[in-house]
Amino acid sequence: MSEGNTLRKSQRKKKEVNELTEPESIEHEMEEAASEASSDNENQRGHSDTKLMLDGLAKISAQIHDLDTELRGAKNELKQEISSLRQDMDRQFKEHHNTLESQKADLAEAQTRIATLEESNMEANGELKTMQKQMQLLRDKVTESEARARRNNIRIFGLPEEVEGGSVITYLNDMFKKELLIPADFDLQMQRAHRTPPMKPKAGQRPRHVVVNFLSFATKDMILKKAWQKKIKVNDQLIQFDHDYPAEIVQKRRSYSDIKKVLKERGIRFQTPYTRLRVHWKEGVQSYNSAMEAAEDIKKRGIHINTPSSENSKGLDRTPAAEGWQRVGGTARRAQERLQEYQRK
């Protein structure tokens, strides 16, 4: 058995030697040699690539180091800027806080002053109203006194200029007795008679009024009633007679003009005693103390009439103080709310 094995091993070796001496074995050896050369080249290229990679990593590391150094410098600068900004903000905040505190103090002082002024104004307004009422009472008394002083006067409208010649009293004495059929021997007791105003009007203007003063009220009243009952013309000019009222009373009586015109057009009887209007309606007599009151009642009766303007004869109606100074409520509260809103901003 051992000899057979030895023989087989020798035969295989011989066969292997024969195979190696053949051309295919030569090619095989060449390929192995080329493979070994290629492997050596790849190893060389691998070493070269490794070196390049290490060089690149070194450069990248250097760049990272430079970038880190630059970032550290930028970080320090940013910290300094933030610190400076914080200091500026703190300083500005303190300044604004001080300003707000100052404004708050000023506002509180202003609120106190405004409240004081409002109270003073209210007190002054109350005093002013009281004085105006007293002044109006005095004005009414003066008007009444003036009206009493004119009780014996007659005012003549429309008498042409210069018809009286040298004496107004003589001319009127003759005219009254002739036109009003007064006995020639009756003494009219005229004390004064003159035109008003003193300045003579220009051509084409209305003639001045004539004011006549009688010693007796009874004589004055008798002549006035007779003159109202008859139309008297002088040089084809119709003249009219009326009481000599003060200016305030004339203004109030004039406020009835539109109402009297409407009543006259409708044939409704009316009278204007002093400063009132008395209308004779079918259901009875109605008196009114003002043109506004009369107009409202006439409208209710179905008669169209323009509303007269409000009468401003009272001193309380002429001044803004008449409306009253009202203290504005919540002034301090609104100011405080605005301050708080500003602080929140």
Protein backbone atom coordinates (compact mmCIF):
# COMPACT_ATOMS: atom_id res chain seq x y z
CA MET A 1 0.00 0.00 0.00
CA SER A 2 2.72 2.44 0.83
CA GLU A 3 4.56 1.73 -2.36
CA GLY A 4 1.41 2.41 -4.39
CA ASN A 5 0.93 5.73 -2.71
CA THR A 6 4.47 6.75 -3.32
CA LEU A 7 4.10 5.85 -6.96
CA ARG A 8 0.95 7.92 -7.33
CA LYS A 9 2.59 10.95 -5.68
CA SER A 10 5.55 10.78 -8.02
CA GLN A 11 3.30 10.51 -11.02
CA ARG A 12 1.39 13.62 -9.93
CA LYS A 13 4.57 15.62 -9.44
CA LYS A 14 5.74 14.55 -12.85
CA LYS A 15 2.43 15.56 -14.30
CA GLU A 16 2.66 18.96 -12.57
CA VAL A 17 6.18 19.46 -13.95
CA ASN A 18 4.98 18.61 -17.41
CA GLU A 19 2.09 21.03 -17.04
CA LEU A 20 4.44 23.78 -15.94
CA THR A 21 6.60 23.33 -18.95
CA GLU A 22 3.64 23.76 -21.29
CA PRO A 23 2.71 27.24 -22.87
CA GLU A 24 -0.43 27.61 -20.77
CA SER A 25 1.60 27.39 -17.63
CA ILE A 26 3.89 30.11 -18.94
CA GLU A 27 0.92 32.44 -19.56
CA HIS A 28 -0.31 31.69 -16.09
CA GLU A 29 2.96 32.74 -14.64
CA MET A 30 2.98 35.94 -16.69
CA GLU A 31 -0.52 36.84 -15.47
CA GLU A 32 0.53 36.27 -11.91
CA ALA A 33 3.57 38.50 -12.43
CA ALA A 34 1.36 41.24 -14.00
CA SER A 35 -1.08 40.91 -11.13
CA GLU A 36 1.72 41.33 -8.67
CA ALA A 37 3.00 44.43 -10.59
CA SER A 38 -0.50 45.91 -10.69
CA SER A 39 -0.89 45.30 -7.00
CA ASP A 40 2.39 47.10 -6.42
CA ASN A 41 1.17 50.07 -8.54
CA GLU A 42 -2.13 50.19 -6.65
CA ASN A 43 -0.25 50.18 -3.40
CA GLN A 44 1.87 53.09 -4.63
CA ARG A 45 -1.22 55.02 -5.76
CA GLY A 46 -2.85 54.26 -2.42
CA HIS A 47 0.11 55.71 -0.61
CA SER A 48 -0.07 58.82 -2.85
CA ASP A 49 -3.84 59.26 -2.25
CA THR A 50 -3.33 58.86 1.47
CA LYS A 51 -0.69 61.55 1.43
CA LEU A 52 -2.94 63.89 -0.53
CA MET A 53 -5.79 63.21 1.87
CA LEU A 54 -3.57 63.88 4.85
CA ASP A 55 -2.37 67.12 3.29
CA GLY A 56 -6.02 68.16 2.63
CA LEU A 57 -6.99 67.30 6.18
CA ALA A 58 -4.09 69.37 7.44
CA LYS A 59 -5.25 72.36 5.36
CA ILE A 60 -8.84 71.89 6.52
CA SER A 61 -7.67 71.69 10.10
CA ALA A 62 -5.68 74.89 9.62
CA GLN A 63 -8.74 76.61 8.08
CA ILE A 64 -10.92 75.38 10.92
CA HIS A 65 -8.41 76.74 13.38
CA ASP A 66 -8.35 80.10 11.58
CA LEU A 67 -12.17 80.11 11.46
CA ASP A 68 -12.32 79.28 15.15
CA THR A 69 -9.92 82.10 15.93
CA GLU A 70 -11.97 84.51 13.78
CA LEU A 71 -15.24 83.38 15.40
CA ARG A 72 -13.75 83.84 18.85
CA GLY A 73 -12.75 87.40 17.92
CA ALA A 74 -16.21 88.08 16.45
CA LYS A 75 -17.79 86.63 19.59
CA ASN A 76 -15.75 88.95 21.77
CA GLU A 77 -16.69 91.94 19.59
CA LEU A 78 -20.36 90.91 19.70
CA LYS A 79 -20.20 90.64 23.47
CA GLN A 80 -18.70 94.11 23.65
CA GLU A 81 -21.38 95.53 21.33
CA ILE A 82 -24.15 93.82 23.29
CA SER A 83 -22.69 95.16 26.52
CA SER A 84 -22.48 98.66 25.03
CA LEU A 85 -26.04 98.38 23.67
CA ARG A 86 -27.29 97.23 27.05
CA GLN A 87 -25.61 100.16 28.71
CA ASP A 88 -27.16 102.55 26.19
CA MET A 89 -30.58 100.95 26.70
CA ASP A 90 -30.22 101.19 30.45
CA ARG A 91 -29.22 104.82 30.16
CA GLN A 92 -32.11 105.61 27.81
CA PHE A 93 -34.54 103.70 30.01
CA LYS A 94 -33.42 105.71 33.01
CA GLU A 95 -33.78 108.92 31.03
CA HIS A 96 -37.27 107.93 29.84
CA HIS A 97 -38.17 106.84 33.35
CA ASN A 98 -37.01 110.17 34.74
CA THR A 99 -38.90 111.99 31.99
CA LEU A 100 -42.06 110.01 32.73
CA GLU A 101 -41.73 110.68 36.42
CA SER A 102 -41.31 114.38 35.68
CA GLN A 103 -44.29 114.35 33.33
CA LYS A 104 -46.30 112.44 35.88
CA ALA A 105 -45.53 115.08 38.47
CA ASP A 106 -46.35 117.85 35.99
CA LEU A 107 -49.59 116.09 35.05
CA ALA A 108 -50.58 115.72 38.68
CA GLU A 109 -49.88 119.42 39.23
CA ALA A 110 -51.82 120.29 36.06
CA GLN A 111 -54.76 118.17 37.21
CA THR A 112 -54.77 119.97 40.53
CA ARG A 113 -54.64 123.35 38.82
CA ILE A 114 -57.37 122.39 36.34
CA ALA A 115 -59.61 121.18 39.15
CA THR A 116 -58.96 124.42 41.03
CA LEU A 117 -59.69 126.50 37.92
CA GLU A 118 -62.86 124.56 37.20
CA GLU A 119 -64.11 125.11 40.71
CA SER A 120 -63.16 128.79 40.51
CA ASN A 121 -64.90 129.09 37.15
CA MET A 122 -68.03 127.47 38.50
CA GLU A 123 -68.03 129.83 41.44
CA ALA A 124 -67.33 132.80 39.17
CA ASN A 125 -70.07 131.65 36.82
CA GLY A 126 -72.52 131.49 39.69
CA GLU A 127 -71.51 134.98 40.77
CA LEU A 128 -71.74 136.20 37.18
CA LYS A 129 -75.23 134.79 36.76
CA THR A 130 -76.31 136.43 39.98
CA MET A 131 -74.85 139.76 38.84
CA GLN A 132 -76.50 139.39 35.43
CA LYS A 133 -79.86 138.73 37.05
CA GLN A 134 -79.39 141.77 39.25
CA MET A 135 -78.31 143.80 36.23
CA GLN A 136 -81.39 142.64 34.33
CA LEU A 137 -83.60 143.65 37.25
CA LEU A 138 -81.94 147.07 37.26
CA ARG A 139 -82.37 147.30 33.49
CA ASP A 140 -86.04 146.44 33.81
CA LYS A 141 -86.44 149.06 36.50
CA VAL A 142 -84.69 151.67 34.34
CA THR A 143 -86.91 150.74 31.38
CA GLU A 144 -89.99 150.98 33.56
CA SER A 145 -88.86 154.33 34.91
CA GLU A 146 -88.18 155.58 31.39
CA ALA A 147 -91.58 154.33 30.24
CA ARG A 148 -93.25 156.16 33.12
CA ALA A 149 -91.35 159.32 32.24
CA ARG A 150 -92.73 159.02 28.68
CA ARG A 151 -96.31 158.31 29.71
CA ASN A 152 -97.38 161.82 28.71
CA ASN A 153 -95.61 161.66 25.32
CA ILE A 154 -96.99 161.00 21.85
CA ARG A 155 -94.75 159.95 18.97
CA ILE A 156 -95.84 161.02 15.49
CA PHE A 157 -94.60 159.10 12.41
CA GLY A 158 -94.54 160.30 8.81
CA LEU A 159 -94.93 164.08 9.34
CA PRO A 160 -93.11 165.71 6.38
CA GLU A 161 -90.01 167.72 7.14
CA GLU A 162 -90.25 171.52 7.59
CA VAL A 163 -94.10 171.65 7.46
CA GLU A 164 -94.06 172.88 11.06
CA GLY A 165 -92.29 176.11 10.10
CA GLY A 166 -90.64 177.90 13.01
CA SER A 167 -92.59 176.29 15.89
CA VAL A 168 -93.50 172.63 16.19
CA ILE A 169 -95.83 173.26 19.17
CA THR A 170 -97.82 175.95 17.33
CA TYR A 171 -98.16 173.78 14.22
CA LEU A 172 -99.32 170.73 16.15
CA ASN A 173 -101.73 172.74 18.31
CA ASP A 174 -103.48 174.02 15.20
CA MET A 175 -103.42 170.60 13.47
CA PHE A 176 -104.85 168.73 16.48
CA LYS A 177 -107.73 171.18 16.92
CA LYS A 178 -108.50 171.20 13.21
CA GLU A 179 -108.16 167.49 12.39
CA LEU A 180 -109.42 166.07 15.68
CA LEU A 181 -112.26 168.60 16.08
CA ILE A 182 -111.06 169.95 19.41
CA PRO A 183 -112.56 173.26 20.58
CA ALA A 184 -110.37 176.24 19.79
CA ASP A 185 -110.38 177.46 23.36
CA PHE A 186 -109.27 174.09 24.78
CA ASP A 187 -105.77 174.24 26.24
CA LEU A 188 -103.81 171.18 25.07
CA GLN A 189 -101.05 171.95 27.59
CA MET A 190 -98.20 170.88 25.28
CA GLN A 191 -94.95 171.47 27.11
CA ARG A 192 -92.42 170.35 24.52
CA ALA A 193 -92.37 169.13 20.91
CA HIS A 194 -89.31 168.30 18.81
CA ARG A 195 -88.07 166.03 16.06
CA THR A 196 -85.76 163.10 16.77
CA PRO A 197 -82.99 162.45 15.98
CA PRO A 198 -81.54 165.97 15.70
CA MET A 199 -79.80 165.36 12.36
CA LYS A 200 -81.95 166.26 9.39
CA PRO A 201 -82.44 163.38 6.90
CA LYS A 202 -81.24 163.53 3.30
CA ALA A 203 -83.60 163.95 0.37
CA GLY A 204 -85.66 160.83 -0.27
CA GLN A 205 -85.23 159.49 3.26
CA ARG A 206 -88.07 159.04 5.73
CA PRO A 207 -88.95 162.09 7.80
CA ARG A 208 -87.89 162.18 11.42
CA HIS A 209 -90.30 161.33 14.20
CA VAL A 210 -91.93 164.06 16.27
CA VAL A 211 -92.16 163.65 20.03
CA VAL A 212 -94.80 165.69 21.87
CA ASN A 213 -94.95 166.03 25.66
CA PHE A 214 -98.23 166.95 27.39
CA LEU A 215 -98.61 168.24 30.89
CA SER A 216 -101.71 166.10 31.43
CA PHE A 217 -101.90 162.37 30.76
CA ALA A 218 -105.65 162.68 30.22
CA THR A 219 -105.13 165.21 27.42
CA LYS A 220 -102.46 163.03 25.80
CA ASP A 221 -104.74 159.95 26.03
CA MET A 222 -107.70 161.86 24.57
CA ILE A 223 -105.68 163.10 21.56
CA LEU A 224 -104.17 159.67 20.92
CA LYS A 225 -107.56 157.93 20.92
CA LYS A 226 -109.04 160.54 18.56
CA ALA A 227 -106.01 160.24 16.23
CA TRP A 228 -106.40 156.44 16.07
CA GLN A 229 -110.02 156.85 15.02
CA LYS A 230 -109.22 159.09 12.05
CA LYS A 231 -106.77 159.01 9.16
CA ILE A 232 -104.82 162.25 9.09
CA LYS A 233 -102.82 163.25 6.01
CA VAL A 234 -100.37 166.10 5.60
CA ASN A 235 -99.27 166.92 2.03
CA ASP A 236 -100.90 163.64 0.95
CA GLN A 237 -98.72 161.76 3.48
CA LEU A 238 -100.51 159.57 6.03
CA ILE A 239 -99.22 160.25 9.51
CA GLN A 240 -99.53 157.86 12.45
CA PHE A 241 -99.66 158.28 16.22
CA ASP A 242 -98.48 156.02 19.02
CA HIS A 243 -97.18 156.01 22.56
CA ASP A 244 -93.56 157.05 23.07
CA TYR A 245 -92.07 153.76 24.23
CA PRO A 246 -88.45 153.12 25.32
CA ALA A 247 -86.22 151.29 22.82
CA GLU A 248 -86.43 147.93 24.66
CA ILE A 249 -90.22 147.99 24.58
CA VAL A 250 -90.26 149.06 20.93
CA GLN A 251 -88.04 146.09 20.06
CA LYS A 252 -90.34 143.65 21.85
CA ARG A 253 -93.46 145.13 20.27
CA ARG A 254 -91.76 144.92 16.88
CA SER A 255 -91.33 141.15 17.34
CA TYR A 256 -95.12 140.83 16.90
CA SER A 257 -95.03 142.40 13.40
CA ASP A 258 -95.33 139.16 11.36
CA ILE A 259 -98.04 137.83 13.67
CA LYS A 260 -100.08 141.03 13.44
CA LYS A 261 -99.77 140.93 9.65
CA VAL A 262 -101.19 137.40 9.48
CA LEU A 263 -103.99 138.23 11.92
CA LYS A 264 -104.88 141.35 9.95
CA GLU A 265 -105.04 139.39 6.67
CA ARG A 266 -107.50 136.94 8.27
CA GLY A 267 -109.59 139.69 9.80
CA ILE A 268 -108.84 138.65 13.39
CA ARG A 269 -108.99 141.46 15.90
CA PHE A 270 -105.91 142.00 18.06
CA GLN A 271 -104.35 144.56 20.38
CA THR A 272 -100.81 145.18 21.60
CA PRO A 273 -101.02 146.63 25.09
CA TYR A 274 -97.51 147.57 26.11
CA THR A 275 -95.33 144.45 25.55
CA ARG A 276 -98.11 141.87 25.18
CA LEU A 277 -100.34 140.70 22.35
CA ARG A 278 -104.07 140.31 22.93
CA VAL A 279 -106.02 138.37 20.29
CA HIS A 280 -109.83 138.20 20.13
CA TRP A 281 -110.55 134.62 19.06
CA LYS A 282 -114.07 133.34 18.51
CA GLU A 283 -113.94 131.32 21.71
CA GLY A 284 -112.59 134.26 23.72
CA VAL A 285 -109.71 136.68 24.30
CA GLN A 286 -106.20 135.26 24.64
CA SER A 287 -103.17 137.25 25.82
CA TYR A 288 -99.55 136.38 25.01
CA ASN A 289 -96.41 137.62 26.74
CA SER A 290 -94.03 137.00 23.84
CA ALA A 291 -94.02 136.57 20.07
CA MET A 292 -92.75 132.99 20.47
CA GLU A 293 -95.66 132.06 22.73
CA ALA A 294 -98.17 133.66 20.36
CA ALA A 295 -96.69 131.94 17.30
CA GLU A 296 -96.84 128.49 18.92
CA ASP A 297 -100.49 128.91 19.87
CA ILE A 298 -101.43 130.29 16.45
CA LYS A 299 -99.78 127.28 14.75
CA LYS A 300 -101.81 124.95 16.95
CA ARG A 301 -104.92 126.70 15.66
CA GLY A 302 -103.98 125.69 12.09
CA ILE A 303 -102.66 129.06 10.92
CA HIS A 304 -99.32 128.99 9.15
CA ILE A 305 -96.86 131.52 10.50
CA ASN A 306 -93.09 131.88 10.51
CA THR A 307 -91.46 131.18 13.84
CA PRO A 308 -90.01 134.43 15.19
CA SER A 309 -86.38 134.55 16.24
CA SER A 310 -85.69 134.12 19.91
CA GLU A 311 -85.74 137.31 21.89
CA ASN A 312 -82.37 138.35 23.21
CA SER A 313 -83.50 141.17 25.42
CA LYS A 314 -82.24 139.40 28.52
CA GLY A 315 -78.62 139.90 29.43
CA LEU A 316 -78.31 136.24 30.41
CA ASP A 317 -79.03 135.25 26.83
CA ARG A 318 -76.44 137.55 25.35
CA THR A 319 -73.34 136.07 26.93
CA PRO A 320 -71.83 132.60 26.67
CA ALA A 321 -71.89 132.46 30.45
CA ALA A 322 -75.67 132.13 30.24
CA GLU A 323 -75.24 128.59 28.97
CA GLY A 324 -73.28 127.71 32.11
CA TRP A 325 -69.81 126.34 32.43
CA GLN A 326 -70.11 122.65 33.11
CA ARG A 327 -67.22 120.96 34.87
CA VAL A 328 -66.01 118.09 32.72
CA GLY A 329 -66.26 114.91 34.73
CA GLY A 330 -63.43 112.37 34.82
CA THR A 331 -60.67 114.71 33.65
CA ALA A 332 -58.12 113.30 36.08
CA ARG A 333 -59.19 109.73 35.35
CA ARG A 334 -58.81 110.11 31.57
CA ALA A 335 -55.42 111.77 31.97
CA GLN A 336 -54.27 108.90 34.21
CA GLU A 337 -55.43 106.32 31.65
CA ARG A 338 -53.49 108.09 28.89
CA LEU A 339 -50.36 108.16 31.06
CA GLN A 340 -50.66 104.42 31.77
CA GLU A 341 -51.13 103.68 28.06
CA TYR A 342 -48.02 105.71 27.26
CA GLN A 343 -46.03 103.80 29.92
CA ARG A 344 -47.11 100.46 28.43
CA LYS A 345 -45.79 101.54 25.02
